[in-house]
Amino acid sequence: MDIDMNQSIQEIHKMISEVYVFMKDMKHDYDAIVGSIEMDRQTIGRLLGVSESTLYRWRSAPNFTLPCHYHNDRSTYYVYDEVYVALKRGQLKAKGFDRIEAMQRMKMYKEGVIRGLLSKDSADPEMI
């Protein structure tokens, strides 16, 4: 009886270890996807609920309130993680701007992108 119990416990431990490794790999893959999400001006403006002039003011602020990058063709893009951190820190402020609502839209967009990549569909910010 004790042998069967020990064997069962060892099998359960092995399964839990396999699930742990799988989950750790999935988190690594998920983090890699999220870290590579780039958004253009129109997308980020729609997600944050602000105009292009507000985006310009934020990215032109002396302390780069809104982190942005430029492609070789000089088009502006924003990295999801950097924008989300700026939102969480409360760096983005404007009259009538709802930070909590913007964070919720950002999360929905991220989930849409990830679902789209996993299902081969595209995440459309218009759907948000």
N, C-alpha and C. Protein backbone atom coordinates (compact mmCIF):
# COMPACT_ATOMS: atom_id res chain seq x y z
N MET A 1 0.82 -1.18 0.00
CA MET A 1 0.00 0.00 0.00
C MET A 1 0.87 1.25 0.00
N ASP A 2 1.92 1.30 0.84
CA ASP A 2 2.82 2.45 0.90
C ASP A 2 3.57 2.64 -0.41
N ILE A 3 3.91 1.55 -1.07
CA ILE A 3 4.64 1.63 -2.34
C ILE A 3 3.75 2.30 -3.39
N ASP A 4 2.48 1.90 -3.45
CA ASP A 4 1.54 2.51 -4.39
C ASP A 4 1.36 4.00 -4.10
N MET A 5 1.28 4.36 -2.86
CA MET A 5 1.11 5.76 -2.46
C MET A 5 2.34 6.57 -2.85
N ASN A 6 3.54 6.06 -2.57
CA ASN A 6 4.77 6.76 -2.93
C ASN A 6 4.90 6.91 -4.44
N GLN A 7 4.54 5.87 -5.16
CA GLN A 7 4.61 5.91 -6.61
C GLN A 7 3.62 6.96 -7.16
N SER A 8 2.45 7.00 -6.61
CA SER A 8 1.45 7.98 -7.03
C SER A 8 1.92 9.40 -6.75
N ILE A 9 2.50 9.60 -5.60
CA ILE A 9 3.01 10.92 -5.23
C ILE A 9 4.13 11.34 -6.18
N GLN A 10 5.01 10.42 -6.53
CA GLN A 10 6.09 10.72 -7.46
C GLN A 10 5.55 11.06 -8.85
N GLU A 11 4.52 10.35 -9.29
CA GLU A 11 3.91 10.63 -10.60
C GLU A 11 3.25 12.01 -10.61
N ILE A 12 2.56 12.31 -9.52
CA ILE A 12 1.93 13.63 -9.41
C ILE A 12 2.99 14.73 -9.40
N HIS A 13 4.06 14.52 -8.67
CA HIS A 13 5.14 15.50 -8.61
C HIS A 13 5.74 15.70 -10.00
N LYS A 14 5.92 14.64 -10.75
CA LYS A 14 6.47 14.73 -12.11
C LYS A 14 5.53 15.54 -13.01
N MET A 15 4.22 15.28 -12.90
CA MET A 15 3.25 16.02 -13.72
C MET A 15 3.25 17.50 -13.36
N ILE A 16 3.31 17.81 -12.09
CA ILE A 16 3.34 19.20 -11.65
C ILE A 16 4.60 19.89 -12.17
N SER A 17 5.71 19.20 -12.14
CA SER A 17 6.96 19.76 -12.66
C SER A 17 6.85 20.05 -14.15
N GLU A 18 6.22 19.16 -14.90
CA GLU A 18 6.04 19.36 -16.34
C GLU A 18 5.13 20.56 -16.61
N VAL A 19 4.07 20.68 -15.83
CA VAL A 19 3.16 21.82 -15.98
C VAL A 19 3.89 23.12 -15.65
N TYR A 20 4.71 23.11 -14.62
CA TYR A 20 5.48 24.29 -14.23
C TYR A 20 6.40 24.74 -15.36
N VAL A 21 7.12 23.79 -15.96
CA VAL A 21 8.03 24.12 -17.05
C VAL A 21 7.24 24.68 -18.24
N PHE A 22 6.10 24.07 -18.55
CA PHE A 22 5.26 24.54 -19.64
C PHE A 22 4.79 25.97 -19.39
N MET A 23 4.30 26.24 -18.19
CA MET A 23 3.80 27.58 -17.85
C MET A 23 4.94 28.62 -17.89
N LYS A 24 6.10 28.24 -17.44
CA LYS A 24 7.25 29.14 -17.46
C LYS A 24 7.61 29.48 -18.91
N ASP A 25 7.60 28.49 -19.80
CA ASP A 25 7.87 28.73 -21.21
C ASP A 25 6.80 29.63 -21.84
N MET A 26 5.53 29.39 -21.48
CA MET A 26 4.44 30.21 -22.01
C MET A 26 4.59 31.66 -21.57
N LYS A 27 4.96 31.89 -20.32
CA LYS A 27 5.14 33.25 -19.82
C LYS A 27 6.27 33.93 -20.58
N HIS A 28 7.34 33.22 -20.83
CA HIS A 28 8.46 33.77 -21.58
C HIS A 28 8.00 34.17 -22.98
N ASP A 29 7.25 33.31 -23.65
CA ASP A 29 6.74 33.60 -25.00
C ASP A 29 5.79 34.80 -24.97
N TYR A 30 4.91 34.83 -23.97
CA TYR A 30 3.93 35.92 -23.81
C TYR A 30 4.66 37.25 -23.61
N ASP A 31 5.66 37.26 -22.74
CA ASP A 31 6.42 38.48 -22.47
C ASP A 31 7.14 38.97 -23.72
N ALA A 32 7.64 38.04 -24.52
CA ALA A 32 8.33 38.41 -25.76
C ALA A 32 7.36 39.06 -26.74
N ILE A 33 6.15 38.54 -26.83
CA ILE A 33 5.14 39.11 -27.72
C ILE A 33 4.76 40.51 -27.26
N VAL A 34 4.45 40.65 -25.98
CA VAL A 34 4.01 41.94 -25.45
C VAL A 34 5.11 42.99 -25.60
N GLY A 35 6.35 42.60 -25.37
CA GLY A 35 7.46 43.54 -25.47
C GLY A 35 7.73 44.01 -26.88
N SER A 36 7.17 43.34 -27.88
CA SER A 36 7.43 43.71 -29.26
C SER A 36 6.23 44.38 -29.94
N ILE A 37 5.19 44.69 -29.19
CA ILE A 37 4.02 45.34 -29.79
C ILE A 37 4.34 46.81 -30.06
N GLU A 38 4.29 47.19 -31.35
CA GLU A 38 4.50 48.57 -31.76
C GLU A 38 3.17 49.15 -32.23
N MET A 39 2.94 50.41 -31.90
CA MET A 39 1.69 51.07 -32.29
C MET A 39 2.02 52.39 -32.98
N ASP A 40 1.26 52.71 -34.02
CA ASP A 40 1.46 53.99 -34.70
C ASP A 40 0.67 55.09 -33.98
N ARG A 41 0.80 56.33 -34.49
CA ARG A 41 0.15 57.47 -33.83
C ARG A 41 -1.37 57.33 -33.77
N GLN A 42 -1.96 56.86 -34.86
CA GLN A 42 -3.41 56.74 -34.89
C GLN A 42 -3.90 55.72 -33.87
N THR A 43 -3.22 54.58 -33.80
CA THR A 43 -3.62 53.52 -32.87
C THR A 43 -3.49 53.99 -31.43
N ILE A 44 -2.35 54.57 -31.09
CA ILE A 44 -2.13 54.98 -29.70
C ILE A 44 -3.07 56.12 -29.33
N GLY A 45 -3.34 57.01 -30.28
CA GLY A 45 -4.30 58.09 -30.01
C GLY A 45 -5.69 57.55 -29.72
N ARG A 46 -6.11 56.56 -30.50
CA ARG A 46 -7.42 55.94 -30.29
C ARG A 46 -7.47 55.20 -28.95
N LEU A 47 -6.40 54.48 -28.64
CA LEU A 47 -6.39 53.72 -27.38
C LEU A 47 -6.37 54.63 -26.16
N LEU A 48 -5.62 55.72 -26.24
CA LEU A 48 -5.54 56.64 -25.10
C LEU A 48 -6.69 57.64 -25.09
N GLY A 49 -7.38 57.75 -26.22
CA GLY A 49 -8.50 58.68 -26.30
C GLY A 49 -8.06 60.13 -26.34
N VAL A 50 -6.93 60.39 -27.02
CA VAL A 50 -6.41 61.75 -27.12
C VAL A 50 -6.12 62.11 -28.57
N SER A 51 -5.97 63.40 -28.83
CA SER A 51 -5.69 63.89 -30.17
C SER A 51 -4.20 63.74 -30.50
N GLU A 52 -3.88 63.91 -31.78
CA GLU A 52 -2.47 63.86 -32.19
C GLU A 52 -1.69 65.02 -31.59
N SER A 53 -2.35 66.16 -31.36
CA SER A 53 -1.63 67.29 -30.76
C SER A 53 -1.26 66.98 -29.31
N THR A 54 -2.12 66.26 -28.59
CA THR A 54 -1.78 65.85 -27.22
C THR A 54 -0.62 64.87 -27.24
N LEU A 55 -0.65 63.92 -28.16
CA LEU A 55 0.48 62.98 -28.30
C LEU A 55 1.77 63.76 -28.56
N TYR A 56 1.70 64.75 -29.43
CA TYR A 56 2.88 65.56 -29.75
C TYR A 56 3.39 66.28 -28.50
N ARG A 57 2.49 66.89 -27.73
CA ARG A 57 2.90 67.58 -26.49
C ARG A 57 3.57 66.60 -25.53
N TRP A 58 2.99 65.41 -25.38
CA TRP A 58 3.55 64.43 -24.45
C TRP A 58 4.94 63.96 -24.89
N ARG A 59 5.10 63.69 -26.17
CA ARG A 59 6.40 63.17 -26.61
C ARG A 59 7.43 64.28 -26.74
N SER A 60 6.99 65.54 -26.80
CA SER A 60 7.91 66.68 -26.91
C SER A 60 8.27 67.26 -25.54
N ALA A 61 7.64 66.77 -24.49
CA ALA A 61 7.90 67.28 -23.14
C ALA A 61 9.38 67.08 -22.81
N PRO A 62 9.96 67.98 -22.00
CA PRO A 62 11.39 67.89 -21.67
C PRO A 62 11.81 66.53 -21.10
N ASN A 63 10.94 65.90 -20.35
CA ASN A 63 11.29 64.61 -19.75
C ASN A 63 10.71 63.43 -20.54
N PHE A 64 10.33 63.67 -21.79
CA PHE A 64 9.76 62.63 -22.66
C PHE A 64 8.67 61.85 -21.93
N THR A 65 7.63 62.57 -21.56
CA THR A 65 6.51 62.00 -20.84
C THR A 65 5.98 60.74 -21.53
N LEU A 66 5.89 60.80 -22.86
CA LEU A 66 5.42 59.66 -23.64
C LEU A 66 6.58 59.16 -24.50
N PRO A 67 7.17 58.02 -24.12
CA PRO A 67 8.30 57.50 -24.89
C PRO A 67 7.86 57.12 -26.31
N CYS A 68 8.66 57.53 -27.28
CA CYS A 68 8.37 57.17 -28.67
C CYS A 68 9.67 56.87 -29.40
N HIS A 69 9.52 56.28 -30.57
CA HIS A 69 10.66 55.91 -31.39
C HIS A 69 10.34 56.29 -32.83
N TYR A 70 11.36 56.27 -33.67
CA TYR A 70 11.17 56.63 -35.07
C TYR A 70 11.74 55.54 -35.97
N HIS A 71 10.96 55.17 -36.98
CA HIS A 71 11.44 54.24 -38.00
C HIS A 71 12.36 55.01 -38.94
N ASN A 72 13.05 54.29 -39.81
CA ASN A 72 13.94 54.93 -40.78
C ASN A 72 13.21 55.94 -41.67
N ASP A 73 11.93 55.70 -41.92
CA ASP A 73 11.16 56.62 -42.76
C ASP A 73 10.64 57.82 -41.96
N ARG A 74 11.10 57.94 -40.70
CA ARG A 74 10.76 59.04 -39.78
C ARG A 74 9.34 58.94 -39.22
N SER A 75 8.66 57.85 -39.46
CA SER A 75 7.33 57.69 -38.85
C SER A 75 7.51 57.34 -37.37
N THR A 76 6.59 57.84 -36.58
CA THR A 76 6.64 57.66 -35.13
C THR A 76 5.95 56.36 -34.75
N TYR A 77 6.54 55.64 -33.80
CA TYR A 77 5.86 54.48 -33.24
C TYR A 77 6.10 54.43 -31.74
N TYR A 78 5.21 53.72 -31.07
CA TYR A 78 5.24 53.61 -29.62
C TYR A 78 5.28 52.13 -29.26
N VAL A 79 6.03 51.79 -28.22
CA VAL A 79 6.13 50.41 -27.75
C VAL A 79 5.14 50.23 -26.60
N TYR A 80 4.33 49.19 -26.70
CA TYR A 80 3.25 48.94 -25.73
C TYR A 80 3.74 49.06 -24.29
N ASP A 81 4.78 48.31 -23.94
CA ASP A 81 5.25 48.28 -22.55
C ASP A 81 5.62 49.67 -22.03
N GLU A 82 6.28 50.45 -22.87
CA GLU A 82 6.72 51.79 -22.44
C GLU A 82 5.53 52.72 -22.20
N VAL A 83 4.54 52.64 -23.08
CA VAL A 83 3.35 53.48 -22.93
C VAL A 83 2.58 53.06 -21.68
N TYR A 84 2.45 51.76 -21.49
CA TYR A 84 1.69 51.27 -20.33
C TYR A 84 2.36 51.70 -19.01
N VAL A 85 3.68 51.63 -18.97
CA VAL A 85 4.40 52.07 -17.76
C VAL A 85 4.18 53.56 -17.53
N ALA A 86 4.22 54.36 -18.59
CA ALA A 86 3.97 55.80 -18.45
C ALA A 86 2.56 56.05 -17.91
N LEU A 87 1.59 55.25 -18.38
CA LEU A 87 0.22 55.37 -17.87
C LEU A 87 0.16 55.02 -16.39
N LYS A 88 0.77 53.89 -16.03
CA LYS A 88 0.73 53.45 -14.62
C LYS A 88 1.37 54.47 -13.69
N ARG A 89 2.43 55.09 -14.14
CA ARG A 89 3.14 56.08 -13.31
C ARG A 89 2.42 57.42 -13.24
N GLY A 90 1.39 57.59 -14.05
CA GLY A 90 0.66 58.84 -14.05
C GLY A 90 1.38 59.95 -14.78
N GLN A 91 2.29 59.61 -15.69
CA GLN A 91 3.07 60.61 -16.42
C GLN A 91 2.24 61.33 -17.49
N LEU A 92 1.18 60.71 -17.96
CA LEU A 92 0.39 61.28 -19.05
C LEU A 92 -0.82 62.00 -18.48
N LYS A 93 -0.86 63.31 -18.67
CA LYS A 93 -1.94 64.12 -18.11
C LYS A 93 -2.44 65.11 -19.16
N ALA A 94 -3.75 65.24 -19.22
CA ALA A 94 -4.38 66.22 -20.10
C ALA A 94 -5.80 66.45 -19.59
N LYS A 95 -6.34 67.60 -19.93
CA LYS A 95 -7.69 67.92 -19.50
C LYS A 95 -8.67 66.89 -20.08
N GLY A 96 -9.46 66.28 -19.20
CA GLY A 96 -10.45 65.29 -19.63
C GLY A 96 -9.88 63.90 -19.89
N PHE A 97 -8.58 63.72 -19.68
CA PHE A 97 -7.95 62.42 -19.93
C PHE A 97 -8.25 61.46 -18.79
N ASP A 98 -8.76 60.27 -19.12
CA ASP A 98 -9.10 59.26 -18.12
C ASP A 98 -8.05 58.15 -18.17
N ARG A 99 -7.10 58.22 -17.26
CA ARG A 99 -5.98 57.28 -17.23
C ARG A 99 -6.44 55.84 -17.05
N ILE A 100 -7.38 55.59 -16.16
CA ILE A 100 -7.87 54.24 -15.88
C ILE A 100 -8.53 53.64 -17.11
N GLU A 101 -9.37 54.44 -17.76
CA GLU A 101 -10.03 53.96 -18.98
C GLU A 101 -9.01 53.67 -20.07
N ALA A 102 -7.99 54.52 -20.19
CA ALA A 102 -6.94 54.31 -21.19
C ALA A 102 -6.18 53.01 -20.90
N MET A 103 -5.91 52.74 -19.62
CA MET A 103 -5.21 51.49 -19.26
C MET A 103 -6.06 50.29 -19.61
N GLN A 104 -7.36 50.37 -19.40
CA GLN A 104 -8.26 49.26 -19.75
C GLN A 104 -8.26 49.02 -21.25
N ARG A 105 -8.33 50.10 -22.04
CA ARG A 105 -8.30 49.94 -23.50
C ARG A 105 -6.98 49.35 -23.95
N MET A 106 -5.87 49.77 -23.31
CA MET A 106 -4.55 49.23 -23.65
C MET A 106 -4.51 47.72 -23.37
N LYS A 107 -5.04 47.30 -22.23
CA LYS A 107 -5.05 45.87 -21.89
C LYS A 107 -5.88 45.08 -22.89
N MET A 108 -7.04 45.62 -23.27
CA MET A 108 -7.89 44.94 -24.25
C MET A 108 -7.18 44.82 -25.59
N TYR A 109 -6.49 45.87 -25.97
CA TYR A 109 -5.75 45.85 -27.23
C TYR A 109 -4.66 44.77 -27.19
N LYS A 110 -3.91 44.72 -26.09
CA LYS A 110 -2.84 43.73 -25.94
C LYS A 110 -3.40 42.32 -26.06
N GLU A 111 -4.49 42.07 -25.37
CA GLU A 111 -5.10 40.74 -25.44
C GLU A 111 -5.56 40.41 -26.86
N GLY A 112 -6.09 41.42 -27.56
CA GLY A 112 -6.51 41.23 -28.94
C GLY A 112 -5.34 40.90 -29.84
N VAL A 113 -4.21 41.58 -29.63
CA VAL A 113 -3.01 41.31 -30.43
C VAL A 113 -2.54 39.89 -30.18
N ILE A 114 -2.49 39.49 -28.93
CA ILE A 114 -2.01 38.15 -28.59
C ILE A 114 -2.95 37.09 -29.13
N ARG A 115 -4.25 37.29 -28.96
CA ARG A 115 -5.22 36.33 -29.52
C ARG A 115 -5.09 36.26 -31.04
N GLY A 116 -4.88 37.43 -31.64
CA GLY A 116 -4.72 37.48 -33.09
C GLY A 116 -3.49 36.73 -33.56
N LEU A 117 -2.39 36.88 -32.83
CA LEU A 117 -1.17 36.16 -33.21
C LEU A 117 -1.34 34.66 -33.02
N LEU A 118 -2.04 34.28 -31.97
CA LEU A 118 -2.23 32.86 -31.71
C LEU A 118 -3.23 32.22 -32.66
N SER A 119 -4.20 33.03 -33.15
CA SER A 119 -5.22 32.47 -34.04
C SER A 119 -5.00 32.88 -35.49
N LYS A 120 -3.89 33.60 -35.75
CA LYS A 120 -3.54 34.07 -37.09
C LYS A 120 -4.49 35.15 -37.60
N ASP A 121 -5.34 35.71 -36.73
CA ASP A 121 -6.18 36.84 -37.09
C ASP A 121 -5.45 38.10 -36.65
N SER A 122 -5.86 39.22 -37.14
CA SER A 122 -5.21 40.46 -36.70
C SER A 122 -6.01 41.12 -35.60
N ALA A 123 -5.31 41.81 -34.73
CA ALA A 123 -5.98 42.57 -33.67
C ALA A 123 -6.30 43.94 -34.23
N ASP A 124 -7.55 44.25 -34.31
CA ASP A 124 -7.99 45.51 -34.91
C ASP A 124 -8.37 46.48 -33.82
N PRO A 125 -7.63 47.61 -33.70
CA PRO A 125 -7.97 48.58 -32.65
C PRO A 125 -9.35 49.17 -32.84
N GLU A 126 -9.92 49.09 -34.03
CA GLU A 126 -11.28 49.58 -34.27
C GLU A 126 -12.30 48.76 -33.49
N MET A 127 -11.94 47.52 -33.16
CA MET A 127 -12.86 46.62 -32.46
C MET A 127 -12.99 46.98 -30.99
N ILE A 128 -12.11 47.82 -30.50
CA ILE A 128 -12.11 48.18 -29.08
C ILE A 128 -13.05 49.33 -28.84
